[in-house]
């Protein structure tokens, strides 16, 4: 696990290489194995590989969507907010597990924040995506995870760049 963390970086440009079916199945399994408060599992995952839909997803907000320009896969992470009051935490855990699983498969990924972001002055990014993908109103959208083969290799952050001052022991 520590080696995955040492090497993982957000990938914003992908090659045109398709993701193999076997790897897609592993990503789906990883999402479904994600821990959830009280094992309620309020999350659901939309695996979007239709290039036209991905292009439309890119319009969900004005900034931070560049990875959708080249990504062959966009995973929309959402949850039924009526099932669990900690759906944000559950979806956050699932999102990072998707990213780490992608890394373990030789794929790159990037988290695109949707919750509390705006499509326009009147419409949230969440509402835009709900309408685009026919997601029911009681489902809240946390993020989109782009996945694909990285266009270029990025090395992980060196140990010397870690913010060791953020670690405290026993008391603040």
C-alpha atoms as a PDB file:
ATOM      1  CA  UNK A   1       0.000   0.000   0.000  1.00  0.00           C
ATOM      2  CA  UNK A   2       2.742   2.485   0.889  1.00  0.00           C
ATOM      3  CA  UNK A   3       4.327   1.975  -2.531  1.00  0.00           C
ATOM      4  CA  UNK A   4       1.005   2.843  -4.229  1.00  0.00           C
ATOM      5  CA  UNK A   5       0.764   5.991  -2.114  1.00  0.00           C
ATOM      6  CA  UNK A   6       4.356   6.923  -2.894  1.00  0.00           C
ATOM      7  CA  UNK A   7       3.755   6.685  -6.632  1.00  0.00           C
ATOM      8  CA  UNK A   8       0.173   7.966  -6.972  1.00  0.00           C
ATOM      9  CA  UNK A   9      -0.281  11.337  -8.640  1.00  0.00           C
ATOM     10  CA  UNK A  10      -3.309  12.956 -10.212  1.00  0.00           C
ATOM     11  CA  UNK A  11      -3.321  12.328 -13.955  1.00  0.00           C
ATOM     12  CA  UNK A  12      -4.955  14.947 -16.152  1.00  0.00           C
ATOM     13  CA  UNK A  13      -4.080  13.642 -19.637  1.00  0.00           C
ATOM     14  CA  UNK A  14      -4.656  10.120 -20.885  1.00  0.00           C
ATOM     15  CA  UNK A  15      -3.743   8.127 -23.971  1.00  0.00           C
ATOM     16  CA  UNK A  16      -6.454   6.804 -26.289  1.00  0.00           C
ATOM     17  CA  UNK A  17      -5.787   3.217 -25.142  1.00  0.00           C
ATOM     18  CA  UNK A  18      -8.965   1.432 -24.049  1.00  0.00           C
ATOM     19  CA  UNK A  19      -9.170   0.040 -20.544  1.00  0.00           C
ATOM     20  CA  UNK A  20      -9.355  -3.741 -20.630  1.00  0.00           C
ATOM     21  CA  UNK A  21     -12.604  -5.383 -19.488  1.00  0.00           C
ATOM     22  CA  UNK A  22     -10.751  -7.286 -16.756  1.00  0.00           C
ATOM     23  CA  UNK A  23      -9.478  -4.019 -15.275  1.00  0.00           C
ATOM     24  CA  UNK A  24     -12.944  -2.453 -15.452  1.00  0.00           C
ATOM     25  CA  UNK A  25     -14.341  -5.414 -13.525  1.00  0.00           C
ATOM     26  CA  UNK A  26     -11.670  -4.998 -10.851  1.00  0.00           C
ATOM     27  CA  UNK A  27     -12.509  -1.289 -10.534  1.00  0.00           C
ATOM     28  CA  UNK A  28     -16.186  -2.160 -10.114  1.00  0.00           C
ATOM     29  CA  UNK A  29     -15.363  -4.751  -7.462  1.00  0.00           C
ATOM     30  CA  UNK A  30     -13.153  -2.271  -5.596  1.00  0.00           C
ATOM     31  CA  UNK A  31     -15.974   0.284  -5.543  1.00  0.00           C
ATOM     32  CA  UNK A  32     -18.413  -2.265  -4.151  1.00  0.00           C
ATOM     33  CA  UNK A  33     -15.921  -3.392  -1.487  1.00  0.00           C
ATOM     34  CA  UNK A  34     -15.562   0.152  -0.187  1.00  0.00           C
ATOM     35  CA  UNK A  35     -16.343   0.445   3.514  1.00  0.00           C
ATOM     36  CA  UNK A  36     -19.427   2.344   4.560  1.00  0.00           C
ATOM     37  CA  UNK A  37     -20.811   3.558   7.865  1.00  0.00           C
ATOM     38  CA  UNK A  38     -22.944   0.830   9.432  1.00  0.00           C
ATOM     39  CA  UNK A  39     -22.488  -1.138   6.178  1.00  0.00           C
ATOM     40  CA  UNK A  40     -25.428   0.788   4.710  1.00  0.00           C
ATOM     41  CA  UNK A  41     -23.672   1.249   1.348  1.00  0.00           C
ATOM     42  CA  UNK A  42     -25.614   4.307   0.150  1.00  0.00           C
ATOM     43  CA  UNK A  43     -23.235   4.846  -2.777  1.00  0.00           C
ATOM     44  CA  UNK A  44     -23.768   4.008  -6.411  1.00  0.00           C
ATOM     45  CA  UNK A  45     -21.312   4.281  -9.269  1.00  0.00           C
ATOM     46  CA  UNK A  46     -22.013   5.246 -12.864  1.00  0.00           C
ATOM     47  CA  UNK A  47     -19.252   3.964 -15.152  1.00  0.00           C
ATOM     48  CA  UNK A  48     -19.444   6.288 -18.158  1.00  0.00           C
ATOM     49  CA  UNK A  49     -17.413   5.293 -21.216  1.00  0.00           C
ATOM     50  CA  UNK A  50     -19.542   6.862 -23.951  1.00  0.00           C
ATOM     51  CA  UNK A  51     -17.302   9.616 -25.417  1.00  0.00           C
ATOM     52  CA  UNK A  52     -20.269  11.908 -26.068  1.00  0.00           C
ATOM     53  CA  UNK A  53     -21.496  11.618 -22.484  1.00  0.00           C
ATOM     54  CA  UNK A  54     -17.973  12.224 -21.174  1.00  0.00           C
ATOM     55  CA  UNK A  55     -17.778  15.348 -23.354  1.00  0.00           C
ATOM     56  CA  UNK A  56     -21.101  16.492 -21.866  1.00  0.00           C
ATOM     57  CA  UNK A  57     -19.859  15.744 -18.328  1.00  0.00           C
ATOM     58  CA  UNK A  58     -16.966  18.104 -19.033  1.00  0.00           C
ATOM     59  CA  UNK A  59     -19.528  20.928 -19.214  1.00  0.00           C
ATOM     60  CA  UNK A  60     -20.643  20.334 -15.602  1.00  0.00           C
ATOM     61  CA  UNK A  61     -18.540  23.205 -14.269  1.00  0.00           C
ATOM     62  CA  UNK A  62     -16.221  25.846 -15.694  1.00  0.00           C
ATOM     63  CA  UNK A  63     -12.975  24.779 -13.984  1.00  0.00           C
ATOM     64  CA  UNK A  64     -11.189  21.592 -12.937  1.00  0.00           C
ATOM     65  CA  UNK A  65     -12.638  19.333 -15.632  1.00  0.00           C
ATOM     66  CA  UNK A  66      -9.660  19.068 -18.008  1.00  0.00           C
ATOM     67  CA  UNK A  67      -9.078  15.353 -17.255  1.00  0.00           C
ATOM     68  CA  UNK A  68     -12.442  14.643 -18.922  1.00  0.00           C
ATOM     69  CA  UNK A  69     -10.988  15.882 -22.236  1.00  0.00           C
ATOM     70  CA  UNK A  70      -8.973  12.689 -22.769  1.00  0.00           C
ATOM     71  CA  UNK A  71     -10.291  10.204 -20.213  1.00  0.00           C
ATOM     72  CA  UNK A  72     -11.812   7.018 -21.647  1.00  0.00           C
ATOM     73  CA  UNK A  73     -13.698   6.419 -18.394  1.00  0.00           C
ATOM     74  CA  UNK A  74     -15.501   8.702 -15.964  1.00  0.00           C
ATOM     75  CA  UNK A  75     -16.895   7.182 -12.780  1.00  0.00           C
ATOM     76  CA  UNK A  76     -19.620   9.287 -11.177  1.00  0.00           C
ATOM     77  CA  UNK A  77     -19.685   8.608  -7.440  1.00  0.00           C
ATOM     78  CA  UNK A  78     -23.051   9.353  -5.869  1.00  0.00           C
ATOM     79  CA  UNK A  79     -25.220   8.229  -2.981  1.00  0.00           C
ATOM     80  CA  UNK A  80     -28.808   8.108  -1.828  1.00  0.00           C
ATOM     81  CA  UNK A  81     -28.766  10.770   0.894  1.00  0.00           C
ATOM     82  CA  UNK A  82     -31.947   9.321   2.441  1.00  0.00           C
ATOM     83  CA  UNK A  83     -30.102   6.116   3.377  1.00  0.00           C
ATOM     84  CA  UNK A  84     -27.200   7.543   5.342  1.00  0.00           C
ATOM     85  CA  UNK A  85     -26.333  10.915   6.861  1.00  0.00           C
ATOM     86  CA  UNK A  86     -22.619  10.328   6.265  1.00  0.00           C
ATOM     87  CA  UNK A  87     -22.878   9.679   2.542  1.00  0.00           C
ATOM     88  CA  UNK A  88     -20.115  12.257   1.907  1.00  0.00           C
ATOM     89  CA  UNK A  89     -17.644  10.236   3.949  1.00  0.00           C
ATOM     90  CA  UNK A  90     -18.756   6.949   2.392  1.00  0.00           C
ATOM     91  CA  UNK A  91     -18.379   8.357  -1.131  1.00  0.00           C
ATOM     92  CA  UNK A  92     -15.021   9.923  -0.281  1.00  0.00           C
ATOM     93  CA  UNK A  93     -13.680   6.569   0.849  1.00  0.00           C
ATOM     94  CA  UNK A  94     -14.994   4.903  -2.316  1.00  0.00           C
ATOM     95  CA  UNK A  95     -13.454   7.622  -4.475  1.00  0.00           C
ATOM     96  CA  UNK A  96      -9.952   7.184  -3.083  1.00  0.00           C
ATOM     97  CA  UNK A  97     -10.230   3.398  -3.218  1.00  0.00           C
ATOM     98  CA  UNK A  98     -11.102   3.684  -6.909  1.00  0.00           C
ATOM     99  CA  UNK A  99      -8.030   5.861  -7.403  1.00  0.00           C
ATOM    100  CA  UNK A 100      -5.699   3.509  -5.538  1.00  0.00           C
ATOM    101  CA  UNK A 101      -7.101   0.490  -7.369  1.00  0.00           C
ATOM    102  CA  UNK A 102      -6.550   2.261 -10.689  1.00  0.00           C
ATOM    103  CA  UNK A 103      -2.958   2.951  -9.639  1.00  0.00           C
ATOM    104  CA  UNK A 104      -2.449  -0.711  -8.740  1.00  0.00           C
ATOM    105  CA  UNK A 105      -3.641  -1.686 -12.242  1.00  0.00           C
ATOM    106  CA  UNK A 106      -1.177   0.605 -14.017  1.00  0.00           C
ATOM    107  CA  UNK A 107      -3.874   3.202 -14.706  1.00  0.00           C
ATOM    108  CA  UNK A 108      -3.971   6.857 -13.802  1.00  0.00           C
ATOM    109  CA  UNK A 109      -6.842   8.747 -12.204  1.00  0.00           C
ATOM    110  CA  UNK A 110      -7.991  12.163 -11.086  1.00  0.00           C
ATOM    111  CA  UNK A 111     -10.654  13.253  -8.583  1.00  0.00           C
ATOM    112  CA  UNK A 112     -13.021  15.905  -9.940  1.00  0.00           C
ATOM    113  CA  UNK A 113     -14.962  17.622  -7.164  1.00  0.00           C
ATOM    114  CA  UNK A 114     -18.692  18.008  -7.880  1.00  0.00           C
ATOM    115  CA  UNK A 115     -20.293  18.560  -4.474  1.00  0.00           C
ATOM    116  CA  UNK A 116     -20.681  22.273  -3.717  1.00  0.00           C
ATOM    117  CA  UNK A 117     -19.518  23.310  -7.203  1.00  0.00           C
ATOM    118  CA  UNK A 118     -21.552  25.307  -9.700  1.00  0.00           C
ATOM    119  CA  UNK A 119     -22.292  24.708 -13.378  1.00  0.00           C
ATOM    120  CA  UNK A 120     -23.550  28.288 -13.742  1.00  0.00           C
ATOM    121  CA  UNK A 121     -24.848  31.020 -11.462  1.00  0.00           C
ATOM    122  CA  UNK A 122     -28.228  29.296 -11.318  1.00  0.00           C
ATOM    123  CA  UNK A 123     -27.474  25.567 -11.641  1.00  0.00           C
ATOM    124  CA  UNK A 124     -25.160  23.407  -9.535  1.00  0.00           C
ATOM    125  CA  UNK A 125     -22.740  20.978 -11.160  1.00  0.00           C
ATOM    126  CA  UNK A 126     -24.628  18.252  -9.321  1.00  0.00           C
ATOM    127  CA  UNK A 127     -27.990  19.243 -10.853  1.00  0.00           C
ATOM    128  CA  UNK A 128     -26.425  19.429 -14.317  1.00  0.00           C
ATOM    129  CA  UNK A 129     -25.096  15.861 -13.948  1.00  0.00           C
ATOM    130  CA  UNK A 130     -28.350  14.575 -12.433  1.00  0.00           C
ATOM    131  CA  UNK A 131     -30.237  15.850 -15.483  1.00  0.00           C
ATOM    132  CA  UNK A 132     -27.617  14.593 -17.940  1.00  0.00           C
ATOM    133  CA  UNK A 133     -27.451  11.046 -16.533  1.00  0.00           C
ATOM    134  CA  UNK A 134     -31.038  10.683 -15.257  1.00  0.00           C
ATOM    135  CA  UNK A 135     -29.918  10.457 -11.632  1.00  0.00           C
ATOM    136  CA  UNK A 136     -32.830  10.709  -9.146  1.00  0.00           C
ATOM    137  CA  UNK A 137     -33.043  13.872  -7.006  1.00  0.00           C
ATOM    138  CA  UNK A 138     -32.426  12.002  -3.736  1.00  0.00           C
ATOM    139  CA  UNK A 139     -29.001  10.960  -5.035  1.00  0.00           C
ATOM    140  CA  UNK A 140     -26.200  13.383  -4.241  1.00  0.00           C
ATOM    141  CA  UNK A 141     -23.056  13.485  -6.352  1.00  0.00           C
ATOM    142  CA  UNK A 142     -19.697  13.805  -4.635  1.00  0.00           C
ATOM    143  CA  UNK A 143     -17.188  13.379  -7.421  1.00  0.00           C
ATOM    144  CA  UNK A 144     -16.190  12.097 -10.799  1.00  0.00           C
ATOM    145  CA  UNK A 145     -13.106   9.904 -11.024  1.00  0.00           C
ATOM    146  CA  UNK A 146     -11.421   9.936 -14.410  1.00  0.00           C
ATOM    147  CA  UNK A 147      -9.466   6.788 -15.250  1.00  0.00           C
ATOM    148  CA  UNK A 148      -7.202   5.851 -18.116  1.00  0.00           C
ATOM    149  CA  UNK A 149      -3.665   5.159 -19.218  1.00  0.00           C
ATOM    150  CA  UNK A 150      -1.480   8.172 -18.368  1.00  0.00           C
ATOM    151  CA  UNK A 151      -0.118  10.152 -21.305  1.00  0.00           C
ATOM    152  CA  UNK A 152       3.093  10.646 -19.363  1.00  0.00           C
ATOM    153  CA  UNK A 153       4.599   9.154 -16.249  1.00  0.00           C
ATOM    154  CA  UNK A 154       4.650  11.308 -13.146  1.00  0.00           C
ATOM    155  CA  UNK A 155       6.770  10.412 -10.176  1.00  0.00           C
ATOM    156  CA  UNK A 156       5.421  10.573  -6.677  1.00  0.00           C
ATOM    157  CA  UNK A 157       6.256  13.373  -4.285  1.00  0.00           C
ATOM    158  CA  UNK A 158       9.671  12.966  -2.680  1.00  0.00           C
ATOM    159  CA  UNK A 159       9.686  12.235   1.047  1.00  0.00           C
ATOM    160  CA  UNK A 160      11.458  15.553   1.608  1.00  0.00           C
ATOM    161  CA  UNK A 161       8.397  17.421   0.301  1.00  0.00           C
ATOM    162  CA  UNK A 162       6.002  15.852   2.808  1.00  0.00           C
ATOM    163  CA  UNK A 163       4.619  18.307   5.354  1.00  0.00           C
ATOM    164  CA  UNK A 164       5.993  16.566   8.409  1.00  0.00           C
ATOM    165  CA  UNK A 165       4.953  19.547  10.557  1.00  0.00           C
ATOM    166  CA  UNK A 166       1.333  18.408  10.050  1.00  0.00           C
ATOM    167  CA  UNK A 167       1.958  15.329  12.222  1.00  0.00           C
ATOM    168  CA  UNK A 168       1.514  15.837  15.959  1.00  0.00           C
ATOM    169  CA  UNK A 169       1.735  13.343  18.768  1.00  0.00           C
ATOM    170  CA  UNK A 170      -0.603  13.010  21.722  1.00  0.00           C
ATOM    171  CA  UNK A 171      -1.777  16.644  21.820  1.00  0.00           C
ATOM    172  CA  UNK A 172      -2.016  19.507  19.359  1.00  0.00           C
END
